[in-house]
C-alpha atoms as a PDB file:
ATOM      1  CA  MET A   1     -52.237  -8.523  -5.923  1.00  0.00           C
ATOM      2  CA  VAL A   2     -49.094  -7.955  -3.859  1.00  0.00           C
ATOM      3  CA  THR A   3     -45.877  -7.773  -5.860  1.00  0.00           C
ATOM      4  CA  HIS A   4     -42.825  -9.723  -4.720  1.00  0.00           C
ATOM      5  CA  ALA A   5     -40.319  -6.954  -3.986  1.00  0.00           C
ATOM      6  CA  PRO A   6     -37.932  -8.925  -1.710  1.00  0.00           C
ATOM      7  CA  PRO A   7     -36.574 -11.221  -4.487  1.00  0.00           C
ATOM      8  CA  TYR A   8     -35.857  -8.141  -6.602  1.00  0.00           C
ATOM      9  CA  ARG A   9     -33.974  -6.487  -3.747  1.00  0.00           C
ATOM     10  CA  SER A  10     -32.013  -9.694  -3.177  1.00  0.00           C
ATOM     11  CA  ARG A  11     -30.857  -9.712  -6.782  1.00  0.00           C
ATOM     12  CA  SER A  12     -29.891  -6.050  -6.456  1.00  0.00           C
ATOM     13  CA  ARG A  13     -27.796  -6.769  -3.378  1.00  0.00           C
ATOM     14  CA  PHE A  14     -26.152  -9.716  -5.131  1.00  0.00           C
ATOM     15  CA  GLN A  15     -25.290  -7.528  -8.110  1.00  0.00           C
ATOM     16  CA  HIS A  16     -23.782  -4.922  -5.773  1.00  0.00           C
ATOM     17  CA  PHE A  17     -21.775  -7.621  -3.971  1.00  0.00           C
ATOM     18  CA  THR A  18     -20.354  -9.127  -7.148  1.00  0.00           C
ATOM     19  CA  ILE A  19     -19.373  -5.742  -8.581  1.00  0.00           C
ATOM     20  CA  GLN A  20     -17.619  -4.785  -5.342  1.00  0.00           C
ATOM     21  CA  SER A  21     -15.884  -8.161  -4.858  1.00  0.00           C
ATOM     22  CA  ALA A  22     -14.777  -8.737  -8.478  1.00  0.00           C
ATOM     23  CA  PRO A  23     -11.635  -6.517  -8.294  1.00  0.00           C
ATOM     24  CA  LEU A  24     -10.480  -8.181  -5.068  1.00  0.00           C
ATOM     25  CA  LEU A  25     -11.092 -11.633  -6.505  1.00  0.00           C
ATOM     26  CA  LEU A  26      -9.166 -10.702  -9.638  1.00  0.00           C
ATOM     27  CA  ALA A  27      -6.221  -9.449  -7.536  1.00  0.00           C
ATOM     28  CA  LEU A  28      -6.122 -12.733  -5.614  1.00  0.00           C
ATOM     29  CA  ILE A  29      -6.289 -14.733  -8.857  1.00  0.00           C
ATOM     30  CA  ILE A  30      -3.420 -12.707 -10.359  1.00  0.00           C
ATOM     31  CA  LEU A  31      -1.412 -13.203  -7.163  1.00  0.00           C
ATOM     32  CA  ALA A  32      -1.969 -16.967  -7.303  1.00  0.00           C
ATOM     33  CA  GLY A  33      -1.027 -17.049 -10.990  1.00  0.00           C
ATOM     34  CA  MET A  34       2.107 -14.978 -10.373  1.00  0.00           C
ATOM     35  CA  ALA A  35       3.134 -17.282  -7.523  1.00  0.00           C
ATOM     36  CA  ILE A  36       2.695 -20.351  -9.722  1.00  0.00           C
ATOM     37  CA  LEU A  37       4.699 -18.732 -12.511  1.00  0.00           C
ATOM     38  CA  TYR A  38       7.454 -17.807 -10.065  1.00  0.00           C
ATOM     39  CA  VAL A  39       7.654 -21.339  -8.695  1.00  0.00           C
ATOM     40  CA  GLY A  40       7.731 -22.801 -12.214  1.00  0.00           C
ATOM     41  CA  LEU A  41      10.529 -20.520 -13.434  1.00  0.00           C
ATOM     42  CA  PHE A  42      12.467 -21.011 -10.207  1.00  0.00           C
ATOM     43  CA  TYR A  43      12.277 -24.792 -10.601  1.00  0.00           C
ATOM     44  CA  ARG A  44      13.347 -24.582 -14.250  1.00  0.00           C
ATOM     45  CA  GLN A  45      16.429 -22.553 -13.333  1.00  0.00           C
ATOM     46  CA  LEU A  46      17.545 -24.318 -10.145  1.00  0.00           C
ATOM     47  CA  SER A  47      15.850 -27.739 -10.367  1.00  0.00           C
ATOM     48  CA  ARG A  48      14.249 -27.304  -6.972  1.00  0.00           C
ATOM     49  CA  PHE A  49      11.269 -25.540  -5.496  1.00  0.00           C
ATOM     50  CA  PRO A  50      11.568 -22.281  -3.530  1.00  0.00           C
ATOM     51  CA  GLY A  51      12.210 -22.932   0.133  1.00  0.00           C
ATOM     52  CA  ASN A  52      12.018 -21.078   3.409  1.00  0.00           C
ATOM     53  CA  PHE A  53      14.741 -18.623   2.405  1.00  0.00           C
ATOM     54  CA  GLU A  54      12.994 -17.603  -0.815  1.00  0.00           C
ATOM     55  CA  LEU A  55       9.575 -17.273   0.840  1.00  0.00           C
ATOM     56  CA  THR A  56      11.085 -15.199   3.647  1.00  0.00           C
ATOM     57  CA  SER A  57      12.848 -12.959   1.130  1.00  0.00           C
ATOM     58  CA  VAL A  58       9.636 -12.319  -0.818  1.00  0.00           C
ATOM     59  CA  VAL A  59       7.672 -11.500   2.333  1.00  0.00           C
ATOM     60  CA  ASN A  60      10.326  -9.214   3.858  1.00  0.00           C
ATOM     61  CA  THR A  61      10.889  -7.403   0.551  1.00  0.00           C
ATOM     62  CA  SER A  62       7.143  -6.848   0.142  1.00  0.00           C
ATOM     63  CA  MET A  63       6.414  -5.459   3.605  1.00  0.00           C
ATOM     64  CA  PRO A  64       7.537  -1.813   3.093  1.00  0.00           C
ATOM     65  CA  LEU A  65       5.406  -1.636  -0.051  1.00  0.00           C
ATOM     66  CA  VAL A  66       2.476  -3.313   1.706  1.00  0.00           C
ATOM     67  CA  PHE A  67       2.392  -0.598   4.365  1.00  0.00           C
ATOM     68  CA  ALA A  68       2.941   2.274   1.927  1.00  0.00           C
ATOM     69  CA  ALA A  69       0.242   0.972  -0.429  1.00  0.00           C
ATOM     70  CA  VAL A  70      -2.339   0.430   2.323  1.00  0.00           C
ATOM     71  CA  GLY A  71      -1.891   4.046   3.408  1.00  0.00           C
ATOM     72  CA  GLN A  72      -2.170   5.118  -0.218  1.00  0.00           C
ATOM     73  CA  SER A  73      -5.416   3.141  -0.475  1.00  0.00           C
ATOM     74  CA  ILE A  74      -7.118   5.177   2.234  1.00  0.00           C
ATOM     75  CA  VAL A  75      -6.312   8.430   0.438  1.00  0.00           C
ATOM     76  CA  VAL A  76      -7.347   7.111  -2.977  1.00  0.00           C
ATOM     77  CA  LEU A  77     -10.685   6.002  -1.542  1.00  0.00           C
ATOM     78  CA  THR A  78     -11.395   9.690  -0.850  1.00  0.00           C
ATOM     79  CA  ARG A  79     -10.511  10.525  -4.487  1.00  0.00           C
ATOM     80  CA  GLY A  80      -7.133  11.831  -3.378  1.00  0.00           C
ATOM     81  CA  LEU A  81      -3.532  10.880  -4.071  1.00  0.00           C
ATOM     82  CA  ASP A  82      -0.408  10.874  -1.916  1.00  0.00           C
ATOM     83  CA  LEU A  83       2.842  11.221  -3.850  1.00  0.00           C
ATOM     84  CA  SER A  84       4.757  12.087  -0.689  1.00  0.00           C
ATOM     85  CA  VAL A  85       4.935   8.495   0.547  1.00  0.00           C
ATOM     86  CA  GLY A  86       8.348   8.064  -1.069  1.00  0.00           C
ATOM     87  CA  GLY A  87       9.814  11.083   0.689  1.00  0.00           C
ATOM     88  CA  MET A  88       8.278  10.014   3.999  1.00  0.00           C
ATOM     89  CA  ILE A  89       9.720   6.510   3.699  1.00  0.00           C
ATOM     90  CA  GLY A  90      13.153   7.977   2.919  1.00  0.00           C
ATOM     91  CA  LEU A  91      12.924  10.356   5.884  1.00  0.00           C
ATOM     92  CA  THR A  92      11.727   7.793   8.423  1.00  0.00           C
ATOM     93  CA  ASN A  93      14.152   5.179   7.138  1.00  0.00           C
ATOM     94  CA  SER A  94      17.002   7.667   7.659  1.00  0.00           C
ATOM     95  CA  LEU A  95      15.793   8.606  11.136  1.00  0.00           C
ATOM     96  CA  ALA A  96      15.649   4.983  12.232  1.00  0.00           C
ATOM     97  CA  ALA A  97      19.078   4.172  10.806  1.00  0.00           C
ATOM     98  CA  THR A  98      20.803   7.155  12.426  1.00  0.00           C
ATOM     99  CA  HIS A  99      19.109   7.403  15.819  1.00  0.00           C
ATOM    100  CA  MET A 100      17.903   3.959  16.863  1.00  0.00           C
ATOM    101  CA  HIS A 101      20.209   2.066  19.204  1.00  0.00           C
ATOM    102  CA  ALA A 102      20.237  -1.371  20.766  1.00  0.00           C
ATOM    103  CA  GLY A 103      17.917  -1.740  23.696  1.00  0.00           C
ATOM    104  CA  THR A 104      14.180  -2.150  23.946  1.00  0.00           C
ATOM    105  CA  GLY A 105      13.647   1.398  25.173  1.00  0.00           C
ATOM    106  CA  SER A 106      15.461   3.009  22.260  1.00  0.00           C
ATOM    107  CA  MET A 107      13.808   0.798  19.659  1.00  0.00           C
ATOM    108  CA  LEU A 108      10.307   1.418  21.012  1.00  0.00           C
ATOM    109  CA  ALA A 109      10.885   5.142  21.505  1.00  0.00           C
ATOM    110  CA  TRP A 110      12.253   5.741  18.019  1.00  0.00           C
ATOM    111  CA  SER A 111       9.626   3.538  16.417  1.00  0.00           C
ATOM    112  CA  LEU A 112       6.995   5.715  18.075  1.00  0.00           C
ATOM    113  CA  ILE A 113       8.811   8.922  17.062  1.00  0.00           C
ATOM    114  CA  VAL A 114       9.023   7.726  13.462  1.00  0.00           C
ATOM    115  CA  LEU A 115       5.285   6.962  13.389  1.00  0.00           C
ATOM    116  CA  VAL A 116       4.528  10.392  14.861  1.00  0.00           C
ATOM    117  CA  VAL A 117       6.712  12.021  12.195  1.00  0.00           C
ATOM    118  CA  GLY A 118       4.784  10.109   9.532  1.00  0.00           C
ATOM    119  CA  ALA A 119       1.433  11.063  11.008  1.00  0.00           C
ATOM    120  CA  THR A 120       2.476  14.722  11.262  1.00  0.00           C
ATOM    121  CA  GLY A 121       3.652  14.823   7.664  1.00  0.00           C
ATOM    122  CA  GLY A 122       0.442  13.171   6.521  1.00  0.00           C
ATOM    123  CA  ALA A 123      -1.652  15.593   8.547  1.00  0.00           C
ATOM    124  CA  ILE A 124       0.141  18.525   6.888  1.00  0.00           C
ATOM    125  CA  ASN A 125      -0.825  17.089   3.504  1.00  0.00           C
ATOM    126  CA  GLY A 126      -4.407  16.680   4.667  1.00  0.00           C
ATOM    127  CA  VAL A 127      -4.696  20.229   6.001  1.00  0.00           C
ATOM    128  CA  LEU A 128      -3.342  21.699   2.766  1.00  0.00           C
ATOM    129  CA  VAL A 129      -5.735  19.578   0.677  1.00  0.00           C
ATOM    130  CA  ALA A 130      -8.846  19.858   2.835  1.00  0.00           C
ATOM    131  CA  TYR A 131      -8.567  23.344   4.292  1.00  0.00           C
ATOM    132  CA  GLY A 132      -6.325  24.956   1.701  1.00  0.00           C
ATOM    133  CA  ARG A 133      -8.423  23.406  -1.077  1.00  0.00           C
ATOM    134  CA  LEU A 134      -5.319  22.627  -3.095  1.00  0.00           C
ATOM    135  CA  GLN A 135      -5.033  19.772  -5.556  1.00  0.00           C
ATOM    136  CA  PRO A 136      -3.692  16.607  -3.862  1.00  0.00           C
ATOM    137  CA  ILE A 137      -1.224  15.900  -6.650  1.00  0.00           C
ATOM    138  CA  LEU A 138       0.337  19.366  -6.321  1.00  0.00           C
ATOM    139  CA  VAL A 139       0.420  19.338  -2.523  1.00  0.00           C
ATOM    140  CA  THR A 140       1.937  15.887  -2.178  1.00  0.00           C
ATOM    141  CA  LEU A 141       4.404  16.465  -5.008  1.00  0.00           C
ATOM    142  CA  ALA A 142       5.655  19.526  -3.114  1.00  0.00           C
ATOM    143  CA  THR A 143       5.845  17.738   0.233  1.00  0.00           C
ATOM    144  CA  LEU A 144       7.566  14.811  -1.494  1.00  0.00           C
ATOM    145  CA  SER A 145      10.439  17.166  -2.317  1.00  0.00           C
ATOM    146  CA  ILE A 146      10.392  18.647   1.195  1.00  0.00           C
ATOM    147  CA  TYR A 147      10.529  15.249   2.911  1.00  0.00           C
ATOM    148  CA  GLN A 148      13.266  14.106   0.531  1.00  0.00           C
ATOM    149  CA  GLY A 149      15.275  17.198   1.417  1.00  0.00           C
ATOM    150  CA  LEU A 150      14.828  16.541   5.135  1.00  0.00           C
ATOM    151  CA  ALA A 151      15.883  12.923   4.615  1.00  0.00           C
ATOM    152  CA  ILE A 152      19.125  14.042   2.929  1.00  0.00           C
ATOM    153  CA  LYS A 153      19.703  16.463   5.824  1.00  0.00           C
ATOM    154  CA  VAL A 154      19.345  13.594   8.299  1.00  0.00           C
ATOM    155  CA  LEU A 155      21.454  11.147   6.271  1.00  0.00           C
ATOM    156  CA  PRO A 156      23.545  12.862   3.564  1.00  0.00           C
ATOM    157  CA  GLU A 157      24.847   9.538   2.250  1.00  0.00           C
ATOM    158  CA  PRO A 158      23.755   5.903   2.645  1.00  0.00           C
ATOM    159  CA  GLY A 159      24.803   4.471   5.983  1.00  0.00           C
ATOM    160  CA  GLY A 160      23.771   4.162   9.566  1.00  0.00           C
ATOM    161  CA  ALA A 161      22.538   0.931  11.093  1.00  0.00           C
ATOM    162  CA  VAL A 162      19.599  -0.467  12.971  1.00  0.00           C
ATOM    163  CA  PRO A 163      19.982  -2.905  15.883  1.00  0.00           C
ATOM    164  CA  ILE A 164      19.980  -6.572  14.947  1.00  0.00           C
ATOM    165  CA  GLU A 165      17.174  -7.108  17.456  1.00  0.00           C
ATOM    166  CA  PHE A 166      15.011  -4.659  15.501  1.00  0.00           C
ATOM    167  CA  THR A 167      15.676  -6.544  12.282  1.00  0.00           C
ATOM    168  CA  LYS A 168      14.762  -9.825  13.952  1.00  0.00           C
ATOM    169  CA  ALA A 169      11.517  -8.317  15.249  1.00  0.00           C
ATOM    170  CA  LEU A 170      10.286  -6.898  11.920  1.00  0.00           C
ATOM    171  CA  ALA A 171      12.192  -8.770   9.193  1.00  0.00           C
ATOM    172  CA  ASN A 172      13.481 -11.969  10.744  1.00  0.00           C
ATOM    173  CA  PRO A 173      15.570 -13.743   8.087  1.00  0.00           C
ATOM    174  CA  ASN A 174      14.880 -17.139   9.625  1.00  0.00           C
ATOM    175  CA  GLY A 175      11.276 -17.376   8.481  1.00  0.00           C
ATOM    176  CA  PRO A 176       8.374 -15.530   6.818  1.00  0.00           C
ATOM    177  CA  PHE A 177       7.194 -14.074  10.111  1.00  0.00           C
ATOM    178  CA  GLY A 178       6.211 -10.914   8.247  1.00  0.00           C
ATOM    179  CA  LEU A 179       3.026 -12.754   7.312  1.00  0.00           C
ATOM    180  CA  VAL A 180       1.912 -12.114  10.897  1.00  0.00           C
ATOM    181  CA  PHE A 181       2.005  -8.381  10.149  1.00  0.00           C
ATOM    182  CA  VAL A 182       0.042  -9.017   6.952  1.00  0.00           C
ATOM    183  CA  ALA A 183      -2.629 -10.781   8.984  1.00  0.00           C
ATOM    184  CA  VAL A 184      -2.688  -7.867  11.432  1.00  0.00           C
ATOM    185  CA  ILE A 185      -3.091  -5.387   8.570  1.00  0.00           C
ATOM    186  CA  VAL A 186      -6.011  -7.374   7.144  1.00  0.00           C
ATOM    187  CA  LEU A 187      -7.664  -7.551  10.565  1.00  0.00           C
ATOM    188  CA  VAL A 188      -7.115  -3.831  11.198  1.00  0.00           C
ATOM    189  CA  TRP A 189      -8.565  -3.027   7.792  1.00  0.00           C
ATOM    190  CA  LEU A 190     -11.694  -5.091   8.426  1.00  0.00           C
ATOM    191  CA  LEU A 191     -12.158  -3.255  11.709  1.00  0.00           C
ATOM    192  CA  PHE A 192     -11.384   0.138  10.156  1.00  0.00           C
ATOM    193  CA  ARG A 193     -13.962  -0.472   7.445  1.00  0.00           C
ATOM    194  CA  ARG A 194     -16.631  -0.607  10.158  1.00  0.00           C
ATOM    195  CA  THR A 195     -15.501   2.431  12.128  1.00  0.00           C
ATOM    196  CA  ARG A 196     -17.048   5.846  11.672  1.00  0.00           C
ATOM    197  CA  LEU A 197     -13.906   7.104   9.923  1.00  0.00           C
ATOM    198  CA  GLY A 198     -13.856   4.136   7.557  1.00  0.00           C
ATOM    199  CA  VAL A 199     -17.498   4.560   6.618  1.00  0.00           C
ATOM    200  CA  ASP A 200     -16.989   8.290   6.091  1.00  0.00           C
ATOM    201  CA  VAL A 201     -13.954   7.695   3.857  1.00  0.00           C
ATOM    202  CA  TYR A 202     -16.059   5.541   1.536  1.00  0.00           C
ATOM    203  CA  ALA A 203     -18.952   8.003   1.674  1.00  0.00           C
ATOM    204  CA  ILE A 204     -16.746  10.921   0.630  1.00  0.00           C
ATOM    205  CA  GLY A 205     -15.275   8.891  -2.198  1.00  0.00           C
ATOM    206  CA  ASN A 206     -18.711   7.963  -3.499  1.00  0.00           C
ATOM    207  CA  ASP A 207     -20.220  11.456  -3.344  1.00  0.00           C
ATOM    208  CA  GLU A 208     -18.570  14.248  -1.392  1.00  0.00           C
ATOM    209  CA  GLN A 209     -21.517  16.634  -1.664  1.00  0.00           C
ATOM    210  CA  ALA A 210     -23.977  14.001  -0.460  1.00  0.00           C
ATOM    211  CA  ALA A 211     -21.631  13.092   2.400  1.00  0.00           C
ATOM    212  CA  ARG A 212     -21.467  16.713   3.464  1.00  0.00           C
ATOM    213  CA  ALA A 213     -25.253  16.991   3.253  1.00  0.00           C
ATOM    214  CA  HIS A 214     -25.555  14.007   5.611  1.00  0.00           C
ATOM    215  CA  GLY A 215     -23.446  15.701   8.257  1.00  0.00           C
ATOM    216  CA  ILE A 216     -20.074  14.114   7.532  1.00  0.00           C
ATOM    217  CA  ARG A 217     -17.187  16.427   8.387  1.00  0.00           C
ATOM    218  CA  VAL A 218     -15.480  16.082   5.043  1.00  0.00           C
ATOM    219  CA  ARG A 219     -12.413  18.168   5.794  1.00  0.00           C
ATOM    220  CA  GLU A 220     -11.668  16.381   9.082  1.00  0.00           C
ATOM    221  CA  VAL A 221     -12.061  12.985   7.404  1.00  0.00           C
ATOM    222  CA  LYS A 222      -9.675  13.939   4.605  1.00  0.00           C
ATOM    223  CA  VAL A 223      -7.085  15.094   7.126  1.00  0.00           C
ATOM    224  CA  GLY A 224      -7.509  11.771   8.914  1.00  0.00           C
ATOM    225  CA  ALA A 225      -7.033   9.850   5.663  1.00  0.00           C
ATOM    226  CA  TYR A 226      -3.780  11.640   4.825  1.00  0.00           C
ATOM    227  CA  LEU A 227      -2.613  11.318   8.427  1.00  0.00           C
ATOM    228  CA  LEU A 228      -3.062   7.541   8.226  1.00  0.00           C
ATOM    229  CA  SER A 229      -1.289   7.470   4.870  1.00  0.00           C
ATOM    230  CA  GLY A 230       1.721   9.230   6.368  1.00  0.00           C
ATOM    231  CA  MET A 231       1.758   6.925   9.374  1.00  0.00           C
ATOM    232  CA  PHE A 232       1.582   3.808   7.201  1.00  0.00           C
ATOM    233  CA  ALA A 233       4.407   5.198   5.037  1.00  0.00           C
ATOM    234  CA  ALA A 234       6.465   5.713   8.197  1.00  0.00           C
ATOM    235  CA  ALA A 235       5.799   2.100   9.176  1.00  0.00           C
ATOM    236  CA  GLY A 236       7.029   1.152   5.715  1.00  0.00           C
ATOM    237  CA  GLY A 237      10.205   3.136   6.414  1.00  0.00           C
ATOM    238  CA  LEU A 238      10.739   1.174   9.620  1.00  0.00           C
ATOM    239  CA  PHE A 239      10.311  -2.142   7.821  1.00  0.00           C
ATOM    240  CA  LEU A 240      12.659  -0.999   5.060  1.00  0.00           C
ATOM    241  CA  ALA A 241      15.307  -0.100   7.640  1.00  0.00           C
ATOM    242  CA  ALA A 242      14.852  -3.480   9.312  1.00  0.00           C
ATOM    243  CA  THR A 243      15.137  -5.294   5.976  1.00  0.00           C
ATOM    244  CA  THR A 244      18.189  -3.445   4.679  1.00  0.00           C
ATOM    245  CA  THR A 245      19.711  -3.023   8.200  1.00  0.00           C
ATOM    246  CA  SER A 246      20.788   0.501   7.229  1.00  0.00           C
ATOM    247  CA  GLY A 247      19.460   3.793   5.877  1.00  0.00           C
ATOM    248  CA  ASP A 248      19.306   5.637   2.582  1.00  0.00           C
ATOM    249  CA  ALA A 249      17.658   9.022   2.075  1.00  0.00           C
ATOM    250  CA  THR A 250      16.657   8.074  -1.489  1.00  0.00           C
ATOM    251  CA  SER A 251      15.387   4.594  -0.640  1.00  0.00           C
ATOM    252  CA  GLY A 252      11.757   5.684  -0.711  1.00  0.00           C
ATOM    253  CA  ASP A 253      11.752   7.035  -4.265  1.00  0.00           C
ATOM    254  CA  VAL A 254      10.663   3.737  -5.799  1.00  0.00           C
ATOM    255  CA  PHE A 255       7.575   3.586  -3.580  1.00  0.00           C
ATOM    256  CA  VAL A 256       5.967   6.693  -5.082  1.00  0.00           C
ATOM    257  CA  LEU A 257       4.788   4.827  -8.168  1.00  0.00           C
ATOM    258  CA  THR A 258       4.767   1.267  -6.840  1.00  0.00           C
ATOM    259  CA  SER A 259       2.366   2.190  -4.026  1.00  0.00           C
ATOM    260  CA  ILE A 260      -0.019   3.566  -6.654  1.00  0.00           C
ATOM    261  CA  ALA A 261       0.504   0.495  -8.855  1.00  0.00           C
ATOM    262  CA  ALA A 262      -0.348  -1.799  -5.936  1.00  0.00           C
ATOM    263  CA  VAL A 263      -3.550   0.167  -5.358  1.00  0.00           C
ATOM    264  CA  VAL A 264      -4.469  -0.202  -9.031  1.00  0.00           C
ATOM    265  CA  LEU A 265      -3.735  -3.939  -9.049  1.00  0.00           C
ATOM    266  CA  GLY A 266      -5.751  -4.301  -5.853  1.00  0.00           C
ATOM    267  CA  GLY A 267      -8.839  -2.985  -7.626  1.00  0.00           C
ATOM    268  CA  ILE A 268      -9.360   0.306  -5.789  1.00  0.00           C
ATOM    269  CA  SER A 269     -11.080   2.844  -8.014  1.00  0.00           C
ATOM    270  CA  PHE A 270      -9.427   6.231  -8.540  1.00  0.00           C
ATOM    271  CA  PHE A 271     -12.939   7.639  -8.666  1.00  0.00           C
ATOM    272  CA  GLY A 272     -13.102   6.848  -4.948  1.00  0.00           C
ATOM    273  CA  GLY A 273     -15.416   4.919  -2.713  1.00  0.00           C
ATOM    274  CA  ARG A 274     -14.825   1.438  -4.155  1.00  0.00           C
ATOM    275  CA  GLY A 275     -12.277  -1.225  -3.368  1.00  0.00           C
ATOM    276  CA  SER A 276     -10.457  -2.816  -0.454  1.00  0.00           C
ATOM    277  CA  ALA A 277      -6.956  -2.502   0.982  1.00  0.00           C
ATOM    278  CA  ILE A 278      -6.900  -6.295   1.155  1.00  0.00           C
ATOM    279  CA  GLY A 279      -6.644  -6.236  -2.624  1.00  0.00           C
ATOM    280  CA  THR A 280      -3.863  -3.664  -2.281  1.00  0.00           C
ATOM    281  CA  VAL A 281      -1.892  -6.067  -0.083  1.00  0.00           C
ATOM    282  CA  ALA A 282      -2.247  -8.664  -2.830  1.00  0.00           C
ATOM    283  CA  GLY A 283      -1.130  -6.037  -5.349  1.00  0.00           C
ATOM    284  CA  ALA A 284       2.038  -5.341  -3.354  1.00  0.00           C
ATOM    285  CA  PHE A 285       2.962  -9.028  -3.341  1.00  0.00           C
ATOM    286  CA  ILE A 286       2.172  -9.277  -7.054  1.00  0.00           C
ATOM    287  CA  LEU A 287       4.668  -6.501  -7.831  1.00  0.00           C
ATOM    288  CA  THR A 288       7.368  -8.152  -5.716  1.00  0.00           C
ATOM    289  CA  LEU A 289       6.807 -11.527  -7.356  1.00  0.00           C
ATOM    290  CA  LEU A 290       6.786  -9.876 -10.775  1.00  0.00           C
ATOM    291  CA  ILE A 291      10.354  -8.666 -10.253  1.00  0.00           C
ATOM    292  CA  ASN A 292      11.410 -12.207  -9.331  1.00  0.00           C
ATOM    293  CA  VAL A 293       9.553 -13.646 -12.325  1.00  0.00           C
ATOM    294  CA  LEU A 294      11.321 -11.260 -14.708  1.00  0.00           C
ATOM    295  CA  PHE A 295      14.659 -12.174 -13.141  1.00  0.00           C
ATOM    296  CA  PHE A 296      14.180 -15.930 -13.479  1.00  0.00           C
ATOM    297  CA  ALA A 297      12.772 -15.431 -16.983  1.00  0.00           C
ATOM    298  CA  ASN A 298      16.191 -13.968 -17.884  1.00  0.00           C
ATOM    299  CA  ILE A 299      14.715 -10.612 -18.876  1.00  0.00           C
ATOM    300  CA  ASP A 300      17.385  -7.979 -19.366  1.00  0.00           C
ATOM    301  CA  PRO A 301      17.209  -5.557 -16.370  1.00  0.00           C
ATOM    302  CA  LEU A 302      17.131  -2.682 -18.856  1.00  0.00           C
ATOM    303  CA  TYR A 303      13.728  -3.904 -20.082  1.00  0.00           C
ATOM    304  CA  GLN A 304      12.211  -4.857 -16.730  1.00  0.00           C
ATOM    305  CA  SER A 305      10.477  -1.493 -16.329  1.00  0.00           C
ATOM    306  CA  PHE A 306       8.899  -1.949 -19.752  1.00  0.00           C
ATOM    307  CA  PHE A 307       7.462  -5.344 -18.860  1.00  0.00           C
ATOM    308  CA  GLN A 308       6.306  -4.126 -15.455  1.00  0.00           C
ATOM    309  CA  GLY A 309       4.393  -1.291 -17.124  1.00  0.00           C
ATOM    310  CA  LEU A 310       2.965  -3.609 -19.761  1.00  0.00           C
ATOM    311  CA  PHE A 311       1.800  -6.045 -17.104  1.00  0.00           C
ATOM    312  CA  LEU A 312       0.138  -3.242 -15.148  1.00  0.00           C
ATOM    313  CA  VAL A 313      -1.715  -1.979 -18.226  1.00  0.00           C
ATOM    314  CA  VAL A 314      -2.980  -5.471 -19.083  1.00  0.00           C
ATOM    315  CA  ALA A 315      -4.074  -6.095 -15.484  1.00  0.00           C
ATOM    316  CA  VAL A 316      -5.983  -2.795 -15.335  1.00  0.00           C
ATOM    317  CA  LEU A 317      -7.702  -3.437 -18.666  1.00  0.00           C
ATOM    318  CA  LEU A 318      -8.624  -6.951 -17.549  1.00  0.00           C
ATOM    319  CA  GLY A 319     -10.047  -5.634 -14.287  1.00  0.00           C
ATOM    320  CA  THR A 320     -12.093  -2.996 -16.098  1.00  0.00           C
ATOM    321  CA  LEU A 321     -13.455  -5.592 -18.511  1.00  0.00           C
ATOM    322  CA  ILE A 322     -14.452  -7.949 -15.704  1.00  0.00           C
ATOM    323  CA  ARG A 323     -16.222  -5.181 -13.777  1.00  0.00           C
ATOM    324  CA  ARG A 324     -18.207  -4.269 -16.881  1.00  0.00           C
ATOM    325  CA  LEU A 325     -19.149  -7.876 -17.549  1.00  0.00           C
ATOM    326  CA  VAL A 326     -20.232  -8.370 -13.943  1.00  0.00           C
ATOM    327  CA  GLY A 327     -22.274  -5.170 -14.107  1.00  0.00           C
ATOM    328  CA  LEU A 328     -24.013  -6.271 -17.303  1.00  0.00           C
ATOM    329  CA  ARG A 329     -24.862  -9.732 -15.984  1.00  0.00           C
ATOM    330  CA  GLY A 330     -26.100  -8.497 -12.595  1.00  0.00           C
END
């Protein structure tokens, strides 16, 4: 008698789908909950709901972290880590603030130069990790210091300015137009996931030896992943310059840990090969809203880091628990 294999395979696929989608779903649920909490605390303090100004502020403040964290996601998916994103953001932010002038030609040219600088710095990380066979944490910690030093050389003290037209294009204060860039990032990610490079990134993260056995050029893919991380960090530097309208060589320091935290909140596994940058985007907005929630909850700024860390630990534990439960029920 013929056995019914197809139903069994269907259940297996469903189990795989639920395990893969659970972290993303959790990130979206946390984001929704954080937004509701923010609105509630805001209304309690000011007796009105957040308006266009508040929404625009949240979006524009989140965008540099969104870009830095998405780049970080690609590296983490290969079981790597990029600590240099902070130095790259500081460097590119300083370059934009000191060299970009009014005029479409200057803005486009320096935006392109900044992205090339980011890609070059990322590629250097990738070559040292993939071909030099050095530990990612050591390589990127070293290049973090190098890029920070270069940033201070470019802009020894906070200052400079970016054209008002550039600010209007990337961080328009009149509305949350940054959501358009979020939509573009999501679309680009969905396309990237289906490209050869995207598939190879996941394959390396799942099993590097098996990927190599199947003909995947592991070293080239890793270089590509770090290159993209550097370029996304540079884009974050541009958005930071547009938001602050000036430059600061140390402005990227905060993004070293927050980009990793956004990746964790987004559900990407540090064991590689699992997760989505869409969840990372949600994680970036969660961290921005968390700061606002702590402010409107009248938490002493001295203790905000404590509560941010506590929240991150709880979120990670909750995500781990949900993945285990989904795996057991599948």
